[in-house]
Structure formats: C-alpha cells, structure tokens
C-alpha cells in the first residue's frame, strides 16, 4: 500500500514520490489514514471507505464547507481553534477518485498535535468538551441543510435496532448463541425508545460533528491545550444531544472501548461533571431548553446505539468496522452495553450536573 500511495496518489498533490515518507496514522475503525512527509511539507492522506461512505464527494464537500466557515470565524477571532480542512490537488479538486484503487483525499497536518485514547483527568475532559462545544457554537449559524447526509439515519436508534433484529433472524455467521444476553438487553429498552420518540420532534436540527470521540480532539503537546477538532467525515445535520452523548461514551470510562475488563468499565462521575461544565460553558446560551433536557437522553442513546452497531456487525461477520482479532466487535459491544448499564445505575447522581 505504501508504494502505491507514493507512486499513484502523491503525484496528484504535487508531491515527489521519491522524496516522501509515508506511514500509517491513527487507529480509526473506517478509513485508512497515512502521514506523508517530504522536504518542504507534510499532510494527512486518507483512503475513504466507500462501502461506508457511499457518496464520498459529498463527504469532502461537507468538510470543505465547514472548514471555510470555521476559517472565516477564526480570521475574525470568533473561533479560537486551528482549522483542519481539505487540501486540493494540482487540478484544484477536493479528492482523487481512482475507482477500484480508492477514493483519496488530503487534509492539513498540525505538527504539534497529540491525541489521547482514554481521559485520565477532569482537566482533559473539560478541555475536550469545551473544544467540541466551541466547535458547535461556531457552526450554530451554518445552515445544516447545506450539508449532505453522507450516512442517512446515522444516529437513528430504532433503525439500528431493526438492523440488529434482522441480523439476529438471519444469524448468517452462527454467532447468536454467544451473545443472546446482550440482544435481550437491547430489545428490553422500549422505554428509552419512547422517550426518544417524544423528545426528538422538539429539537432543532443543527450542524453536528456526530463523532465526538476523545481522539477527535487534538491537544497541543507543548502545553496540552486544545488545538483542533478533526475528523469531519460525519458532519451533517442532527441533534447536539448525540455529540454530547458520544463524549460521555468515550470520555467517562477508564477503559478503552474494546477493553475486556468489564468490571472496570463504568462512568466516572467527576469526568461526567467536567464534560457538562466544559460543553455548557460554550453552548449554554445557544441550546434551547429542550436541547438541554435532551443531553441526558443523548448520553444513554449513544452508549446503547454504539453497542448495537458493534453487536450487529459481529452477527453479520464484521463487515463494517475494522477488527484486529476474532470476536473484536463482540468485545466492543459488551464494553458499550456495560457502560450503558453504568449510566442507568448512576442516573440520580449524574443528572444533577445539568442544573
């Protein structure tokens, strides 16, 4: 793959193949990502997974619109973070479509950037939540309808559960016997679905990040201050409760999302409190009252829904998320369902932080 990138992809961006070093970057579940360095520069190169993102041109166009909007805000001192956006080819295109050999795009690289996989302190959680809130606040005046839905119904829990039910009925990989308890947990959450159906119509559609994992906020490794929000692939219209929920999902557990140490998977209350403080410090005046009420719902929905997605992929034969060993998606699902159960068990302690 490295030789292919050098010889077939880099020339489109005006980078001499012989002068460039190419190395894998990050640990994303979906796309293939590389760091490219040469004598006069560096960039991040990605091969977009077109099985997941079936309209990749829409994806890069969305990212471009958001980057332009944020760059304008940054120039006017209305957005304090660095802007990570697409770099154009020699032909001024946002990406290169090489057919069966991939859809490739480049984005700018921030040299002092640092990401983390597990939040270790309230300070880290507060900084990241504040950064994601700042990102959403800066986009609050961008018409969300100008963005293409690159994954329709991305955060639609009823639809995700329907797909799980289909996977259970078909059981093409004969894996159902190993996860029946988790399936039953999901199907028992009818009250959550009812709460979601009642509140969602009251919420405004906004431009959302839709993947606010802790490793999608870059720190400046020189002082660990917030540097940039990255991975704009799933930016599209939606509800901010899901952005909040994904922070809860990825910040609050002391274990990574595929950890098998389930006895240690739980919501750390101080981290949850720091998320609330950081996020609301930027968005408190932007959110409607119904949106504020929806944040606790979003936390529960996202934890359950990501578990559903991992479990569905496990039953279907691991066709969506990249896996590194057998039963990897099942381990991820069990982790997320355990975190969901921790949220439910601590509800009375956690909801006070919204007041």
Protein backbone atom coordinates (compact mmCIF):
# COMPACT_ATOMS: atom_id res chain seq x y z
CA UNK A 1 0.00 0.00 0.00
CA UNK A 2 2.82 2.43 0.86
CA UNK A 3 4.41 2.05 -2.59
CA UNK A 4 1.01 2.53 -4.23
CA UNK A 5 0.45 5.73 -2.27
CA UNK A 6 3.84 7.09 -3.31
CA UNK A 7 3.53 6.22 -6.97
CA UNK A 8 -0.16 6.68 -7.75
CA UNK A 9 -1.63 9.08 -5.20
CA UNK A 10 1.01 11.60 -4.13
CA UNK A 11 1.72 12.93 -7.65
CA UNK A 12 -1.87 14.23 -7.80
CA UNK A 13 -0.99 16.51 -4.87
CA UNK A 14 2.29 17.62 -6.43
CA UNK A 15 4.46 15.62 -4.02
CA UNK A 16 7.55 13.89 -5.46
CA UNK A 17 7.20 10.20 -4.77
CA UNK A 18 10.88 9.59 -4.14
CA UNK A 19 11.16 12.36 -1.56
CA UNK A 20 8.16 11.37 0.55
CA UNK A 21 7.91 9.20 3.64
CA UNK A 22 4.54 7.54 4.18
CA UNK A 23 3.48 5.94 7.46
CA UNK A 24 0.17 4.74 8.94
CA UNK A 25 -1.51 7.23 11.26
CA UNK A 26 -4.12 6.73 13.98
CA UNK A 27 -6.39 3.78 14.69
CA UNK A 28 -9.69 4.68 13.05
CA UNK A 29 -12.30 1.99 12.53
CA UNK A 30 -13.32 3.01 9.00
CA UNK A 31 -10.79 4.79 6.74
CA UNK A 32 -7.12 4.12 6.04
CA UNK A 33 -5.02 7.08 7.16
CA UNK A 34 -1.39 7.97 6.46
CA UNK A 35 1.02 10.71 7.46
CA UNK A 36 3.02 11.96 4.49
CA UNK A 37 6.22 13.96 4.97
CA UNK A 38 8.61 15.38 2.39
CA UNK A 39 11.34 18.02 2.35
CA UNK A 40 9.04 21.01 2.18
CA UNK A 41 5.89 19.87 3.94
CA UNK A 42 3.59 17.28 5.46
CA UNK A 43 -0.06 16.29 5.20
CA UNK A 44 -2.54 13.61 6.19
CA UNK A 45 -3.76 11.33 3.40
CA UNK A 46 -6.86 9.17 3.66
CA UNK A 47 -8.39 6.41 1.62
CA UNK A 48 -12.11 6.82 2.23
CA UNK A 49 -14.06 3.63 2.86
CA UNK A 50 -16.68 3.89 0.13
CA UNK A 51 -18.54 0.85 1.44
CA UNK A 52 -19.40 3.03 4.44
CA UNK A 53 -19.42 6.44 2.79
CA UNK A 54 -21.25 5.74 -0.44
CA UNK A 55 -21.17 9.40 -1.55
CA UNK A 56 -17.55 10.34 -0.85
CA UNK A 57 -17.74 13.51 -2.94
CA UNK A 58 -20.45 14.72 -0.58
CA UNK A 59 -18.20 13.91 2.37
CA UNK A 60 -15.30 16.05 1.15
CA UNK A 61 -17.64 18.84 0.07
CA UNK A 62 -19.20 18.89 3.54
CA UNK A 63 -15.76 19.10 5.13
CA UNK A 64 -14.80 21.92 2.80
CA UNK A 65 -17.91 23.95 3.65
CA UNK A 66 -17.29 23.52 7.36
CA UNK A 67 -13.59 24.37 7.09
CA UNK A 68 -14.36 27.54 5.11
CA UNK A 69 -16.96 28.59 7.68
CA UNK A 70 -14.61 27.98 10.60
CA UNK A 71 -11.66 29.66 8.86
CA UNK A 72 -13.78 32.79 8.41
CA UNK A 73 -14.68 32.69 12.10
CA UNK A 74 -11.03 32.15 13.02
CA UNK A 75 -9.94 35.14 10.96
CA UNK A 76 -12.48 37.28 12.81
CA UNK A 77 -11.35 35.99 16.24
CA UNK A 78 -14.65 34.13 16.66
CA UNK A 79 -13.11 30.65 16.59
CA UNK A 80 -10.04 30.00 18.71
CA UNK A 81 -9.06 26.53 17.49
CA UNK A 82 -6.99 25.61 14.46
CA UNK A 83 -8.95 24.58 11.38
CA UNK A 84 -8.27 21.21 9.79
CA UNK A 85 -9.67 21.03 6.29
CA UNK A 86 -9.17 19.53 2.84
CA UNK A 87 -6.18 20.26 0.64
CA UNK A 88 -6.77 20.48 -3.07
CA UNK A 89 -5.00 18.54 -5.79
CA UNK A 90 -2.89 20.07 -8.55
CA UNK A 91 -6.14 20.26 -10.53
CA UNK A 92 -7.91 22.06 -7.67
CA UNK A 93 -10.05 19.05 -6.82
CA UNK A 94 -11.02 18.07 -3.27
CA UNK A 95 -10.15 14.42 -3.83
CA UNK A 96 -8.85 11.82 -6.28
CA UNK A 97 -11.15 9.02 -7.39
CA UNK A 98 -9.08 6.09 -8.62
CA UNK A 99 -12.02 3.74 -8.98
CA UNK A 100 -11.28 0.30 -7.58
CA UNK A 101 -7.97 1.63 -6.26
CA UNK A 102 -9.68 4.00 -3.91
CA UNK A 103 -11.05 7.45 -3.23
CA UNK A 104 -8.29 9.59 -1.74
CA UNK A 105 -8.28 12.96 -0.02
CA UNK A 106 -5.67 15.04 1.82
CA UNK A 107 -6.03 17.34 4.83
CA UNK A 108 -3.59 19.62 6.55
CA UNK A 109 -1.44 18.22 9.36
CA UNK A 110 -0.84 20.04 12.63
CA UNK A 111 2.76 19.28 13.67
CA UNK A 112 2.39 19.78 17.43
CA UNK A 113 -0.81 17.77 17.71
CA UNK A 114 -1.40 14.99 20.19
CA UNK A 115 -4.42 12.76 20.73
CA UNK A 116 -5.37 10.51 23.61
CA UNK A 117 -7.44 7.33 23.77
CA UNK A 118 -8.52 7.41 27.43
CA UNK A 119 -9.26 10.51 29.50
CA UNK A 120 -7.10 10.50 32.61
CA UNK A 121 -8.22 13.69 34.36
CA UNK A 122 -11.07 16.12 34.80
CA UNK A 123 -8.89 18.77 33.15
CA UNK A 124 -8.58 16.72 29.95
CA UNK A 125 -12.31 16.08 29.87
CA UNK A 126 -13.19 19.72 30.48
CA UNK A 127 -10.80 20.94 27.76
CA UNK A 128 -12.09 18.50 25.15
CA UNK A 129 -15.77 19.09 25.95
CA UNK A 130 -15.22 22.84 25.85
CA UNK A 131 -13.49 22.47 22.47
CA UNK A 132 -16.34 20.41 21.00
CA UNK A 133 -18.82 22.92 22.40
CA UNK A 134 -16.82 25.77 20.88
CA UNK A 135 -16.83 23.93 17.53
CA UNK A 136 -20.62 23.53 17.61
CA UNK A 137 -21.16 27.09 18.77
CA UNK A 138 -19.12 28.41 15.84
CA UNK A 139 -21.24 26.32 13.47
CA UNK A 140 -24.56 27.34 15.01
CA UNK A 141 -25.10 29.91 12.25
CA UNK A 142 -24.23 27.48 9.42
CA UNK A 143 -27.39 26.22 7.73
CA UNK A 144 -27.28 22.48 8.40
CA UNK A 145 -29.37 21.74 5.32
CA UNK A 146 -26.47 22.71 3.01
CA UNK A 147 -24.65 19.57 4.16
CA UNK A 148 -25.27 16.21 2.55
CA UNK A 149 -26.34 13.30 4.74
CA UNK A 150 -23.33 11.12 3.98
CA UNK A 151 -24.77 8.30 6.13
CA UNK A 152 -28.56 8.65 6.20
CA UNK A 153 -30.18 7.83 9.56
CA UNK A 154 -26.74 7.65 11.15
CA UNK A 155 -27.98 8.26 14.69
CA UNK A 156 -31.38 6.62 14.40
CA UNK A 157 -31.72 4.13 17.24
CA UNK A 158 -34.98 2.48 16.06
CA UNK A 159 -33.39 1.82 12.67
CA UNK A 160 -30.25 0.44 14.27
CA UNK A 161 -32.31 -1.92 16.41
CA UNK A 162 -34.22 -3.05 13.32
CA UNK A 163 -30.91 -3.93 11.65
CA UNK A 164 -29.90 -5.86 14.75
CA UNK A 165 -33.18 -7.79 14.68
CA UNK A 166 -32.54 -8.66 11.03
CA UNK A 167 -29.03 -9.86 11.88
CA UNK A 168 -30.43 -11.95 14.73
CA UNK A 169 -33.09 -13.51 12.49
CA UNK A 170 -30.57 -14.40 9.78
CA UNK A 171 -27.61 -15.33 12.03
CA UNK A 172 -25.51 -15.89 8.93
CA UNK A 173 -22.30 -16.50 10.90
CA UNK A 174 -23.93 -18.71 13.57
CA UNK A 175 -22.83 -16.36 16.32
CA UNK A 176 -26.14 -15.67 18.04
CA UNK A 177 -25.69 -18.26 20.81
CA UNK A 178 -22.66 -16.34 22.06
CA UNK A 179 -24.48 -13.04 22.56
CA UNK A 180 -28.15 -13.72 23.32
CA UNK A 181 -27.99 -11.92 26.66
CA UNK A 182 -26.84 -8.70 25.02
CA UNK A 183 -29.55 -8.97 22.36
CA UNK A 184 -32.17 -9.35 25.07
CA UNK A 185 -30.80 -6.29 26.88
CA UNK A 186 -31.21 -4.19 23.75
CA UNK A 187 -34.71 -5.37 22.99
CA UNK A 188 -35.82 -4.63 26.55
CA UNK A 189 -35.12 -0.88 26.27
CA UNK A 190 -38.55 0.12 24.98
CA UNK A 191 -38.94 2.99 27.46
CA UNK A 192 -35.82 4.64 26.04
CA UNK A 193 -37.26 4.42 22.53
CA UNK A 194 -40.48 6.01 23.75
CA UNK A 195 -38.61 8.86 25.44
CA UNK A 196 -36.64 9.42 22.25
CA UNK A 197 -39.80 9.50 20.11
CA UNK A 198 -41.40 12.10 22.39
CA UNK A 199 -38.45 14.49 22.68
CA UNK A 200 -36.77 14.36 19.25
CA UNK A 201 -39.50 16.32 17.37
CA UNK A 202 -38.97 19.24 19.76
CA UNK A 203 -35.27 19.62 18.92
CA UNK A 204 -33.78 21.91 16.25
CA UNK A 205 -31.60 20.38 13.57
CA UNK A 206 -28.05 21.71 13.79
CA UNK A 207 -24.70 21.14 12.15
CA UNK A 208 -23.26 18.35 14.26
CA UNK A 209 -19.90 16.63 14.39
CA UNK A 210 -21.53 13.24 15.03
CA UNK A 211 -18.29 11.55 16.16
CA UNK A 212 -17.05 13.42 19.23
CA UNK A 213 -14.69 10.70 20.42
CA UNK A 214 -11.87 11.86 22.66
CA UNK A 215 -9.29 11.14 19.94
CA UNK A 216 -11.06 13.51 17.54
CA UNK A 217 -9.98 16.49 19.65
CA UNK A 218 -6.28 17.27 19.26
CA UNK A 219 -4.28 18.68 22.14
CA UNK A 220 -1.17 20.81 21.64
CA UNK A 221 1.51 18.53 23.04
CA UNK A 222 3.61 21.52 24.07
CA UNK A 223 1.17 22.54 26.80
CA UNK A 224 -1.82 20.13 26.40
CA UNK A 225 -4.15 22.98 25.46
CA UNK A 226 -6.96 22.36 22.98
CA UNK A 227 -5.68 22.60 19.42
CA UNK A 228 -8.25 21.39 16.88
CA UNK A 229 -11.33 19.32 16.18
CA UNK A 230 -10.69 16.71 13.50
CA UNK A 231 -12.49 14.00 11.52
CA UNK A 232 -15.30 15.92 9.87
CA UNK A 233 -16.43 12.88 7.87
CA UNK A 234 -19.77 12.52 9.62
CA UNK A 235 -20.52 16.23 9.99
CA UNK A 236 -24.11 16.72 8.88
CA UNK A 237 -27.40 17.84 10.28
CA UNK A 238 -28.53 16.27 13.51
CA UNK A 239 -29.17 16.78 17.20
CA UNK A 240 -26.50 18.04 19.55
CA UNK A 241 -27.57 15.55 22.22
CA UNK A 242 -25.72 12.91 20.22
CA UNK A 243 -22.49 14.90 20.20
CA UNK A 244 -22.80 15.22 23.96
CA UNK A 245 -23.59 11.53 24.24
CA UNK A 246 -20.53 10.45 22.30
CA UNK A 247 -18.35 12.49 24.65
CA UNK A 248 -19.89 10.71 27.61
CA UNK A 249 -19.36 7.39 25.85
CA UNK A 250 -15.69 7.95 25.07
CA UNK A 251 -14.56 10.15 27.96
CA UNK A 252 -16.06 8.66 31.09
CA UNK A 253 -14.83 5.07 31.15
CA UNK A 254 -11.31 4.37 32.48
CA UNK A 255 -11.05 1.61 29.86
CA UNK A 256 -10.77 1.82 26.07
CA UNK A 257 -13.91 0.93 24.12
CA UNK A 258 -12.70 -2.58 23.30
CA UNK A 259 -11.38 -3.44 26.76
CA UNK A 260 -12.49 -6.84 28.05
CA UNK A 261 -12.02 -5.77 31.68
CA UNK A 262 -15.74 -5.17 32.12
CA UNK A 263 -15.53 -4.97 35.90
CA UNK A 264 -13.64 -1.70 35.41
CA UNK A 265 -15.96 -0.25 32.75
CA UNK A 266 -18.05 2.42 34.44
CA UNK A 267 -18.98 6.09 34.22
CA UNK A 268 -16.56 8.17 36.29
CA UNK A 269 -18.76 10.82 37.89
CA UNK A 270 -16.06 13.55 38.09
CA UNK A 271 -15.34 13.13 34.37
CA UNK A 272 -19.05 13.31 33.55
CA UNK A 273 -19.30 16.52 35.59
CA UNK A 274 -16.32 18.00 33.73
CA UNK A 275 -17.94 17.22 30.36
CA UNK A 276 -21.10 19.04 31.43
CA UNK A 277 -19.16 22.08 32.65
CA UNK A 278 -16.99 22.29 29.55
CA UNK A 279 -19.73 21.73 26.98
CA UNK A 280 -22.27 24.05 28.56
CA UNK A 281 -19.67 26.78 29.08
CA UNK A 282 -19.63 27.19 25.29
CA UNK A 283 -23.18 26.21 24.35
CA UNK A 284 -25.25 27.15 27.37
CA UNK A 285 -26.61 30.27 25.68
CA UNK A 286 -27.06 28.52 22.31
CA UNK A 287 -29.07 25.49 23.37
CA UNK A 288 -32.84 25.63 23.68
CA UNK A 289 -34.42 24.38 26.90
CA UNK A 290 -35.49 21.19 25.12
CA UNK A 291 -31.92 20.67 23.90
CA UNK A 292 -30.60 21.00 27.44
CA UNK A 293 -33.16 18.42 28.56
CA UNK A 294 -32.07 16.12 25.74
CA UNK A 295 -28.43 15.81 26.83
CA UNK A 296 -29.05 13.07 29.37
CA UNK A 297 -31.12 11.22 26.78
CA UNK A 298 -28.32 11.57 24.24
CA UNK A 299 -25.81 10.03 26.62
CA UNK A 300 -27.94 6.93 27.11
CA UNK A 301 -28.95 6.59 23.45
CA UNK A 302 -25.41 6.83 22.11
CA UNK A 303 -23.95 4.28 24.54
CA UNK A 304 -26.70 1.82 23.70
CA UNK A 305 -26.65 2.55 19.98
CA UNK A 306 -22.90 2.12 19.50
CA UNK A 307 -23.18 -1.19 21.32
CA UNK A 308 -25.99 -2.16 18.95
CA UNK A 309 -23.85 -1.27 15.95
CA UNK A 310 -20.88 -3.33 17.19
CA UNK A 311 -23.16 -6.26 18.01
CA UNK A 312 -24.90 -6.12 14.63
CA UNK A 313 -21.57 -6.09 12.83
CA UNK A 314 -20.41 -9.06 14.88
CA UNK A 315 -23.51 -11.04 13.90
CA UNK A 316 -23.12 -10.03 10.24
CA UNK A 317 -19.50 -11.15 10.02
CA UNK A 318 -17.57 -7.94 10.78
CA UNK A 319 -18.30 -6.17 7.50
CA UNK A 320 -18.39 -2.55 8.76
CA UNK A 321 -15.82 -1.91 11.50
CA UNK A 322 -12.19 -2.87 11.14
CA UNK A 323 -11.33 -5.67 13.56
CA UNK A 324 -7.98 -6.93 14.83
CA UNK A 325 -8.94 -10.35 16.16
CA UNK A 326 -11.84 -12.77 16.40
CA UNK A 327 -14.82 -11.51 18.40
CA UNK A 328 -13.41 -7.97 18.46
CA UNK A 329 -16.80 -6.40 17.70
CA UNK A 330 -18.48 -8.54 20.34
CA UNK A 331 -15.95 -7.33 22.90
CA UNK A 332 -16.64 -3.74 21.87
CA UNK A 333 -20.38 -4.30 22.15
CA UNK A 334 -20.10 -5.83 25.62
CA UNK A 335 -17.97 -2.87 26.69
CA UNK A 336 -20.53 -0.33 25.49
CA UNK A 337 -23.50 -2.14 26.98
CA UNK A 338 -21.68 -2.30 30.32
CA UNK A 339 -21.10 1.44 30.17
CA UNK A 340 -24.78 1.94 29.33
CA UNK A 341 -25.77 -0.07 32.39
CA UNK A 342 -23.45 2.08 34.49
CA UNK A 343 -25.20 5.21 33.22
CA UNK A 344 -28.58 3.83 34.22
CA UNK A 345 -27.33 2.81 37.65
CA UNK A 346 -25.94 6.30 38.35
CA UNK A 347 -28.77 8.36 36.92
CA UNK A 348 -29.67 10.21 40.13
CA UNK A 349 -26.04 11.18 40.76
CA UNK A 350 -25.38 12.31 37.18
CA UNK A 351 -28.44 14.31 36.21
CA UNK A 352 -27.71 16.94 38.87
CA UNK A 353 -24.84 18.26 36.73
CA UNK A 354 -27.31 19.66 34.19
CA UNK A 355 -28.76 22.10 36.73
